[in-house]
Amino acid sequence: MTLTSLSIKNIGHNWLRTILTVVGTAIAILSFVLIRTTLSAWEAGVDNAAQDRLSTIHRVTFVMPLPKRYFDEFNGARGRIDGVDVATFVNWVGHKHPVRETEFFATLAVDTATYFDVYPEMSVAPDRLAAWKENRQGAIIGEALAKQFGWSLGDEVTLLGTIYPGVWKYRIEGIYVATKKSVDRAQFLTHWSYLNDSLPEGQRDMIGWVASTVTDASRAADISAAIDTKFDDQDVQTRTMSEKALTMEFLGGASAILGALDIVSLVIMGIMMLILGNTIAMGVRERTHEYGVLLALGFRPKHIATFVVGEGLTIGLLGGGLGLLISYPLVEQGMGRWLEENMGAYFPYFSIPTSVAALALGMAVVLAGVAALVPAYSASKLDVITALRRIG
């Protein structure tokens, strides 16, 4: 009989309570993993943003458009702006499905000539790309969006306009595959020329923003300043920033929510520690007589404390392991796949990071050990005579 085997044997003293404690710990770990994975997925766009890509938007706000002629300063004659390699322009369209109106997906009217040069991480078969360019009512969609609505190549799709009212008809000419975690896999890409020609005269020749790649990512800040300086004397001024900065600006509106979720995840772990501490303390009180016998047989107080701490660590390890075991099918394969397919604009890549899994298991064990410290200290201070007199 060893100290370790005695600690394990003590766990089975009350199997029902032990099982309920392990399950409770597992649920806490599941909640922690879910929240931390959500935060990680939300920030994936920032972490994986291209270092050599810039976005030029209206100086006042992203939602205000720019004159299309601004784009000609970038790409009309390649290299007009020193340091810019290639540029494209994008316009937010905001269409929705006529039946499933609550299911959001990004609909963009883009420059067909250079869009996929600026965004090479969106992979499209060359023949499908060519077919899309030939059909002004053609659309290229993400693989997740195709799965979400059951669309396939050649399908005729009708969408309802929101920003640009009306009924818009498209034909699916291609499906892109994302090769980077930061890419929204549920976008609907259409021809800007089709949108522009369908608008009233007074609304034409406007774009949402210009995206450009630079020849040297280390000069991104200087090139951004040069771009904005070029338009300082125009009626509409611009603001240029890196893709990472723009993504962070988008996420900034939700920073308070993200911070609150971060705190909630820690509160959950704190509650778990209190539950474990209470469970271990109850076990110590029930086994006071047993500890008195061990002390009478020659075991030292430190051995008693070791039993109690070992019991806590074992329960923490079992609960943490069970929590991770159920997290992968529920969080990653279940909820994660649903979010990627239905909310790809916000969660393009939803997968449990190894660091989160390791942190969750480590915290379960460490907090369980901490929770056992007070009961362990109390058990080590037991008087032999008093402990032997106590039964139950």
Protein backbone atom coordinates (compact mmCIF):
# COMPACT_ATOMS: atom_id res chain seq x y z
CA MET A 1 0.00 0.00 0.00
CA THR A 2 1.48 3.34 -1.05
CA LEU A 3 0.50 6.96 -0.41
CA THR A 4 -0.72 7.21 -3.98
CA SER A 5 -2.90 4.13 -3.77
CA LEU A 6 -4.37 5.34 -0.49
CA SER A 7 -5.23 8.70 -2.07
CA ILE A 8 -6.97 6.96 -4.95
CA LYS A 9 -8.79 4.64 -2.55
CA ASN A 10 -10.07 7.64 -0.60
CA ILE A 11 -11.73 8.96 -3.77
CA GLY A 12 -13.96 5.88 -3.84
CA HIS A 13 -15.15 6.44 -0.28
CA ASN A 14 -18.36 8.01 -1.67
CA TRP A 15 -18.65 7.15 -5.34
CA LEU A 16 -21.83 9.14 -5.98
CA ARG A 17 -20.37 12.37 -4.63
CA THR A 18 -17.11 11.76 -6.48
CA ILE A 19 -18.89 11.15 -9.79
CA LEU A 20 -21.06 14.25 -9.36
CA THR A 21 -17.99 16.33 -8.52
CA VAL A 22 -16.09 15.05 -11.56
CA VAL A 23 -19.10 15.75 -13.81
CA GLY A 24 -19.48 19.24 -12.32
CA THR A 25 -15.80 19.92 -12.95
CA ALA A 26 -16.16 18.62 -16.51
CA ILE A 27 -19.08 20.99 -17.17
CA ALA A 28 -17.03 23.91 -15.85
CA ILE A 29 -14.13 22.94 -18.12
CA LEU A 30 -16.52 22.60 -21.08
CA SER A 31 -17.85 26.12 -20.43
CA PHE A 32 -14.32 27.50 -20.08
CA VAL A 33 -13.18 25.88 -23.32
CA LEU A 34 -16.28 27.11 -25.17
CA ILE A 35 -15.79 30.72 -24.08
CA ARG A 36 -12.04 30.77 -24.70
CA THR A 37 -12.42 29.09 -28.10
CA THR A 38 -15.06 31.67 -29.06
CA LEU A 39 -12.70 34.49 -28.11
CA SER A 40 -9.86 32.86 -30.03
CA ALA A 41 -12.02 32.35 -33.13
CA TRP A 42 -13.27 35.93 -32.96
CA GLU A 43 -9.70 37.21 -32.91
CA ALA A 44 -8.45 34.81 -35.61
CA GLY A 45 -9.00 37.47 -38.25
CA VAL A 46 -6.56 39.78 -36.46
CA ASP A 47 -3.95 37.13 -35.78
CA ASN A 48 -3.97 35.86 -39.37
CA ALA A 49 -4.42 39.18 -41.20
CA ALA A 50 -2.12 39.71 -44.17
CA GLN A 51 0.87 41.88 -43.33
CA ASP A 52 1.21 43.29 -46.84
CA ARG A 53 -2.41 44.30 -47.49
CA LEU A 54 -3.88 47.76 -46.90
CA SER A 55 -7.45 49.04 -46.83
CA THR A 56 -8.36 52.57 -47.87
CA ILE A 57 -11.72 53.79 -46.58
CA HIS A 58 -13.62 57.07 -46.16
CA ARG A 59 -11.94 59.18 -43.48
CA VAL A 60 -15.19 59.70 -41.55
CA THR A 61 -16.54 56.16 -41.41
CA PHE A 62 -16.27 52.83 -43.16
CA VAL A 63 -19.91 52.90 -44.28
CA MET A 64 -19.49 56.05 -46.37
CA PRO A 65 -18.48 55.37 -50.00
CA LEU A 66 -15.54 56.61 -52.05
CA PRO A 67 -15.63 57.86 -55.65
CA LYS A 68 -14.65 55.06 -58.00
CA ARG A 69 -12.11 57.39 -59.66
CA TYR A 70 -9.96 57.11 -56.53
CA PHE A 71 -9.22 53.54 -57.49
CA ASP A 72 -7.65 54.72 -60.76
CA GLU A 73 -4.90 56.36 -58.70
CA PHE A 74 -3.94 52.90 -57.49
CA ASN A 75 -4.41 50.64 -60.42
CA GLY A 76 -5.27 52.68 -63.46
CA ALA A 77 -1.59 52.68 -64.32
CA ARG A 78 0.05 50.19 -61.98
CA GLY A 79 2.54 51.73 -59.62
CA ARG A 80 1.19 55.31 -59.60
CA ILE A 81 1.42 55.20 -55.84
CA ASP A 82 4.93 54.22 -54.86
CA GLY A 83 5.04 50.92 -52.99
CA VAL A 84 1.60 49.67 -54.10
CA ASP A 85 1.81 46.42 -56.01
CA VAL A 86 -1.78 45.73 -57.04
CA ALA A 87 -5.15 47.06 -55.88
CA THR A 88 -8.81 46.19 -56.13
CA PHE A 89 -12.05 47.71 -54.93
CA VAL A 90 -14.99 46.29 -53.01
CA ASN A 91 -18.53 47.40 -52.28
CA TRP A 92 -20.74 46.03 -49.52
CA VAL A 93 -24.06 45.01 -51.05
CA GLY A 94 -25.99 43.53 -48.15
CA HIS A 95 -28.25 41.05 -49.93
CA LYS A 96 -30.18 38.40 -48.02
CA HIS A 97 -31.84 35.10 -48.78
CA PRO A 98 -35.52 35.60 -49.73
CA VAL A 99 -36.71 32.82 -47.43
CA ARG A 100 -34.02 32.46 -44.76
CA GLU A 101 -33.68 36.18 -44.12
CA THR A 102 -32.18 35.88 -40.65
CA GLU A 103 -29.14 33.91 -41.86
CA PHE A 104 -26.42 36.48 -42.40
CA PHE A 105 -23.69 36.25 -45.05
CA ALA A 106 -21.46 38.87 -46.63
CA THR A 107 -22.46 39.90 -50.15
CA LEU A 108 -19.79 41.93 -51.94
CA ALA A 109 -19.67 43.56 -55.36
CA VAL A 110 -16.03 43.44 -56.44
CA ASP A 111 -13.63 44.36 -59.18
CA THR A 112 -13.46 41.18 -61.27
CA ALA A 113 -10.11 42.09 -62.82
CA THR A 114 -7.94 42.13 -59.71
CA TYR A 115 -9.93 40.94 -56.70
CA PHE A 116 -8.40 37.47 -56.55
CA ASP A 117 -4.93 38.92 -57.16
CA VAL A 118 -5.24 40.91 -53.94
CA TYR A 119 -6.88 38.00 -52.08
CA PRO A 120 -4.93 34.93 -53.28
CA GLU A 121 -5.92 32.99 -50.16
CA MET A 122 -9.34 32.53 -51.77
CA SER A 123 -8.64 29.70 -54.20
CA VAL A 124 -10.87 29.29 -57.27
CA ALA A 125 -10.41 26.89 -60.19
CA PRO A 126 -9.08 28.85 -63.20
CA ASP A 127 -11.90 27.73 -65.50
CA ARG A 128 -14.54 28.77 -62.97
CA LEU A 129 -12.85 32.11 -62.45
CA ALA A 130 -12.88 32.71 -66.20
CA ALA A 131 -16.57 31.78 -66.42
CA TRP A 132 -17.37 34.20 -63.60
CA LYS A 133 -15.59 37.06 -65.33
CA GLU A 134 -17.56 36.43 -68.53
CA ASN A 135 -20.97 36.46 -66.84
CA ARG A 136 -21.82 39.85 -65.34
CA GLN A 137 -24.55 38.19 -63.28
CA GLY A 138 -22.19 35.48 -62.17
CA ALA A 139 -21.29 34.86 -58.52
CA ILE A 140 -18.49 33.11 -56.71
CA ILE A 141 -19.36 31.83 -53.26
CA GLY A 142 -17.50 30.31 -50.34
CA GLU A 143 -17.58 26.59 -49.69
CA ALA A 144 -19.30 27.11 -46.34
CA LEU A 145 -22.05 29.24 -47.93
CA ALA A 146 -22.61 26.61 -50.60
CA LYS A 147 -23.09 23.99 -47.90
CA GLN A 148 -25.29 26.28 -45.81
CA PHE A 149 -27.87 26.86 -48.56
CA GLY A 150 -27.26 23.75 -50.65
CA TRP A 151 -26.05 25.76 -53.65
CA SER A 152 -23.89 24.23 -56.35
CA LEU A 153 -22.28 25.26 -59.63
CA GLY A 154 -24.78 26.45 -62.23
CA ASP A 155 -27.57 27.21 -59.74
CA GLU A 156 -29.71 30.27 -60.41
CA VAL A 157 -29.97 32.29 -57.19
CA THR A 158 -32.34 35.13 -56.34
CA LEU A 159 -31.49 37.46 -53.44
CA LEU A 160 -33.31 40.41 -51.92
CA GLY A 161 -31.59 43.78 -51.68
CA THR A 162 -31.34 45.77 -48.44
CA ILE A 163 -28.86 48.57 -49.09
CA TYR A 164 -29.80 48.41 -52.77
CA PRO A 165 -33.50 47.42 -52.81
CA GLY A 166 -34.90 45.08 -55.38
CA VAL A 167 -34.66 41.51 -56.57
CA TRP A 168 -31.18 40.48 -57.71
CA LYS A 169 -30.59 37.39 -59.82
CA TYR A 170 -27.26 35.55 -60.04
CA ARG A 171 -25.77 32.32 -61.36
CA ILE A 172 -23.22 30.40 -59.28
CA GLU A 173 -20.13 30.20 -61.49
CA GLY A 174 -17.54 29.21 -58.93
CA ILE A 175 -16.90 28.12 -55.34
CA TYR A 176 -13.77 29.30 -53.56
CA VAL A 177 -11.81 27.42 -50.93
CA ALA A 178 -10.09 29.34 -48.13
CA THR A 179 -6.40 28.58 -47.65
CA LYS A 180 -5.98 30.80 -44.56
CA LYS A 181 -7.81 30.87 -41.23
CA SER A 182 -8.67 34.56 -41.55
CA VAL A 183 -10.87 34.12 -44.64
CA ASP A 184 -14.64 34.21 -44.36
CA ARG A 185 -15.77 30.98 -46.04
CA ALA A 186 -19.33 32.21 -46.52
CA GLN A 187 -19.02 35.22 -48.84
CA PHE A 188 -21.09 35.89 -51.96
CA LEU A 189 -18.98 37.73 -54.57
CA THR A 190 -20.64 39.50 -57.50
CA HIS A 191 -19.70 41.92 -60.30
CA TRP A 192 -19.48 45.56 -59.28
CA SER A 193 -20.34 46.57 -62.85
CA TYR A 194 -23.66 44.69 -62.62
CA LEU A 195 -24.51 46.56 -59.42
CA ASN A 196 -23.34 49.91 -60.73
CA ASP A 197 -25.25 49.73 -64.03
CA SER A 198 -28.44 48.80 -62.16
CA LEU A 199 -28.39 51.87 -59.92
CA PRO A 200 -29.97 55.27 -60.59
CA GLU A 201 -27.61 57.76 -62.26
CA GLY A 202 -26.98 59.70 -59.04
CA GLN A 203 -25.77 56.63 -57.14
CA ARG A 204 -23.35 55.26 -59.70
CA ASP A 205 -19.55 55.15 -59.76
CA MET A 206 -19.14 54.80 -55.99
CA ILE A 207 -17.23 52.07 -54.18
CA GLY A 208 -16.94 50.95 -50.58
CA TRP A 209 -13.18 50.71 -50.14
CA VAL A 210 -9.92 50.00 -51.91
CA ALA A 211 -7.76 47.03 -50.91
CA SER A 212 -4.15 46.97 -52.05
CA THR A 213 -1.04 44.90 -51.57
CA VAL A 214 2.34 46.51 -51.02
CA THR A 215 5.74 45.46 -52.27
CA ASP A 216 7.34 45.78 -48.83
CA ALA A 217 5.27 45.07 -45.71
CA SER A 218 7.80 46.90 -43.52
CA ARG A 219 6.87 50.12 -45.35
CA ALA A 220 3.12 49.68 -44.89
CA ALA A 221 2.78 52.68 -42.55
CA ASP A 222 4.66 55.01 -44.90
CA ILE A 223 2.69 53.83 -47.93
CA SER A 224 -0.57 54.29 -46.02
CA ALA A 225 0.39 57.88 -45.24
CA ALA A 226 1.33 58.50 -48.88
CA ILE A 227 -2.05 57.20 -50.06
CA ASP A 228 -3.98 59.47 -47.71
CA THR A 229 -1.81 62.46 -48.60
CA LYS A 230 -2.68 61.95 -52.25
CA PHE A 231 -6.36 62.56 -51.51
CA ASP A 232 -5.98 65.32 -48.91
CA ASP A 233 -6.96 68.05 -51.38
CA GLN A 234 -9.98 66.13 -52.69
CA ASP A 235 -13.60 66.59 -51.60
CA VAL A 236 -13.49 63.21 -49.88
CA GLN A 237 -10.47 62.37 -47.74
CA THR A 238 -9.34 58.85 -47.00
CA ARG A 239 -7.96 56.81 -44.14
CA THR A 240 -5.62 53.94 -44.98
CA MET A 241 -4.58 51.22 -42.56
CA SER A 242 -3.31 47.68 -42.54
CA GLU A 243 -5.77 44.81 -42.80
CA LYS A 244 -4.93 43.91 -39.21
CA ALA A 245 -5.73 47.42 -37.97
CA LEU A 246 -9.01 47.48 -39.88
CA THR A 247 -10.03 44.12 -38.45
CA MET A 248 -9.18 45.33 -34.95
CA GLU A 249 -11.32 48.40 -35.55
CA PHE A 250 -14.26 46.18 -36.48
CA LEU A 251 -13.74 44.09 -33.36
CA GLY A 252 -13.36 47.20 -31.22
CA GLY A 253 -17.12 47.62 -31.02
CA ALA A 254 -17.37 44.25 -29.31
CA SER A 255 -14.35 44.69 -27.03
CA ALA A 256 -16.52 45.21 -23.92
CA ILE A 257 -18.41 41.98 -24.62
CA LEU A 258 -15.19 40.08 -25.24
CA GLY A 259 -13.71 41.42 -22.01
CA ALA A 260 -16.82 40.37 -20.10
CA LEU A 261 -16.64 36.87 -21.56
CA ASP A 262 -13.01 36.63 -20.51
CA ILE A 263 -13.98 37.51 -16.94
CA VAL A 264 -16.90 35.05 -17.01
CA SER A 265 -14.55 32.23 -17.98
CA LEU A 266 -12.40 32.96 -14.91
CA VAL A 267 -15.46 33.21 -12.66
CA ILE A 268 -16.55 29.76 -13.82
CA MET A 269 -13.19 28.33 -12.85
CA GLY A 270 -13.38 30.09 -9.48
CA ILE A 271 -16.80 28.53 -8.81
CA MET A 272 -15.38 25.15 -9.79
CA MET A 273 -12.59 25.57 -7.24
CA LEU A 274 -15.10 26.39 -4.47
CA ILE A 275 -17.19 23.31 -5.33
CA LEU A 276 -14.10 21.12 -5.24
CA GLY A 277 -13.00 22.63 -1.93
CA ASN A 278 -16.38 21.97 -0.36
CA THR A 279 -16.46 18.38 -1.65
CA ILE A 280 -12.97 17.61 -0.36
CA ALA A 281 -13.73 19.22 3.02
CA MET A 282 -16.81 17.02 3.38
CA GLY A 283 -14.70 13.96 2.64
CA VAL A 284 -12.12 14.97 5.24
CA ARG A 285 -14.81 15.38 7.91
CA GLU A 286 -16.25 11.96 7.11
CA ARG A 287 -12.85 10.27 7.33
CA THR A 288 -11.63 11.96 10.50
CA HIS A 289 -11.73 8.64 12.37
CA GLU A 290 -9.74 6.94 9.58
CA TYR A 291 -7.10 9.65 9.72
CA GLY A 292 -6.89 9.16 13.51
CA VAL A 293 -6.20 5.44 12.96
CA LEU A 294 -3.48 6.26 10.42
CA LEU A 295 -1.87 8.71 12.83
CA ALA A 296 -1.98 6.11 15.58
CA LEU A 297 -0.28 3.61 13.25
CA GLY A 298 2.62 5.99 12.75
CA PHE A 299 1.67 8.05 9.72
CA ARG A 300 2.82 11.64 10.05
CA PRO A 301 0.63 14.74 9.56
CA LYS A 302 2.34 15.46 6.24
CA HIS A 303 1.17 12.05 4.99
CA ILE A 304 -2.43 12.91 5.87
CA ALA A 305 -2.10 16.24 4.03
CA THR A 306 -0.66 14.37 1.04
CA PHE A 307 -3.70 12.07 0.95
CA VAL A 308 -6.07 15.02 0.84
CA VAL A 309 -4.14 17.01 -1.78
CA GLY A 310 -3.68 13.88 -3.88
CA GLU A 311 -7.44 13.29 -3.80
CA GLY A 312 -8.05 16.84 -4.99
CA LEU A 313 -5.50 16.61 -7.80
CA THR A 314 -6.96 13.30 -8.98
CA ILE A 315 -10.52 14.66 -9.08
CA GLY A 316 -9.28 17.75 -10.92
CA LEU A 317 -7.45 15.61 -13.45
CA LEU A 318 -10.46 13.34 -14.00
CA GLY A 319 -12.88 16.27 -14.30
CA GLY A 320 -10.55 18.21 -16.60
CA GLY A 321 -9.94 15.19 -18.80
CA LEU A 322 -13.65 14.43 -19.07
CA GLY A 323 -14.38 18.09 -19.84
CA LEU A 324 -11.88 18.11 -22.70
CA LEU A 325 -13.14 14.76 -23.94
CA ILE A 326 -16.68 16.12 -24.40
CA SER A 327 -15.48 19.53 -25.59
CA TYR A 328 -14.09 18.32 -28.90
CA PRO A 329 -17.30 16.74 -30.25
CA LEU A 330 -19.60 19.40 -28.77
CA VAL A 331 -17.58 22.60 -29.22
CA GLU A 332 -15.32 21.90 -32.18
CA GLN A 333 -17.23 19.42 -34.30
CA GLY A 334 -20.75 20.48 -33.32
CA MET A 335 -21.05 24.16 -32.54
CA GLY A 336 -17.83 25.03 -34.37
CA ARG A 337 -18.92 23.60 -37.69
CA TRP A 338 -22.31 25.31 -37.40
CA LEU A 339 -20.73 28.70 -36.71
CA GLU A 340 -18.29 28.35 -39.60
CA GLU A 341 -21.11 27.53 -41.99
CA ASN A 342 -23.67 30.04 -40.73
CA MET A 343 -21.62 32.88 -39.21
CA GLY A 344 -18.40 32.67 -41.19
CA ALA A 345 -18.10 36.46 -41.32
CA TYR A 346 -17.47 36.48 -37.56
CA PHE A 347 -16.05 33.01 -37.00
CA PRO A 348 -14.18 31.92 -40.14
CA TYR A 349 -12.22 29.31 -38.21
CA PHE A 350 -13.69 27.78 -35.04
CA SER A 351 -11.44 25.17 -33.52
CA ILE A 352 -10.18 24.54 -29.99
CA PRO A 353 -6.59 25.87 -29.79
CA THR A 354 -4.07 23.54 -28.20
CA SER A 355 -3.16 26.32 -25.77
CA VAL A 356 -6.78 26.56 -24.57
CA ALA A 357 -7.03 22.81 -24.06
CA ALA A 358 -3.74 22.74 -22.13
CA LEU A 359 -4.76 25.77 -20.05
CA ALA A 360 -8.12 24.23 -19.19
CA LEU A 361 -6.61 20.92 -18.06
CA GLY A 362 -3.82 22.67 -16.18
CA MET A 363 -6.24 24.99 -14.38
CA ALA A 364 -8.50 22.08 -13.44
CA VAL A 365 -5.60 20.28 -11.77
CA VAL A 366 -4.02 23.36 -10.18
CA LEU A 367 -7.30 24.78 -8.86
CA ALA A 368 -8.27 21.38 -7.50
CA GLY A 369 -4.94 21.27 -5.69
CA VAL A 370 -5.47 24.77 -4.31
CA ALA A 371 -9.00 23.86 -3.23
CA ALA A 372 -7.59 20.91 -1.27
CA LEU A 373 -5.02 22.97 0.64
CA VAL A 374 -7.31 24.17 3.44
CA PRO A 375 -8.91 20.75 4.07
CA ALA A 376 -5.41 19.20 3.91
CA TYR A 377 -4.08 21.65 6.47
CA SER A 378 -7.03 20.97 8.76
CA ALA A 379 -6.55 17.21 8.43
CA SER A 380 -2.83 17.49 9.21
CA LYS A 381 -3.62 19.29 12.47
CA LEU A 382 -5.93 16.57 13.80
CA ASP A 383 -5.31 15.34 17.32
CA VAL A 384 -5.07 11.53 17.43
CA ILE A 385 -7.32 11.07 20.45
CA THR A 386 -9.98 13.50 19.21
CA ALA A 387 -9.93 11.95 15.72
CA LEU A 388 -10.33 8.41 17.06
CA ARG A 389 -13.32 9.43 19.16
CA ARG A 390 -15.14 10.82 16.13
CA ILE A 391 -17.20 8.35 14.14
CA GLY A 392 -18.77 9.29 10.71
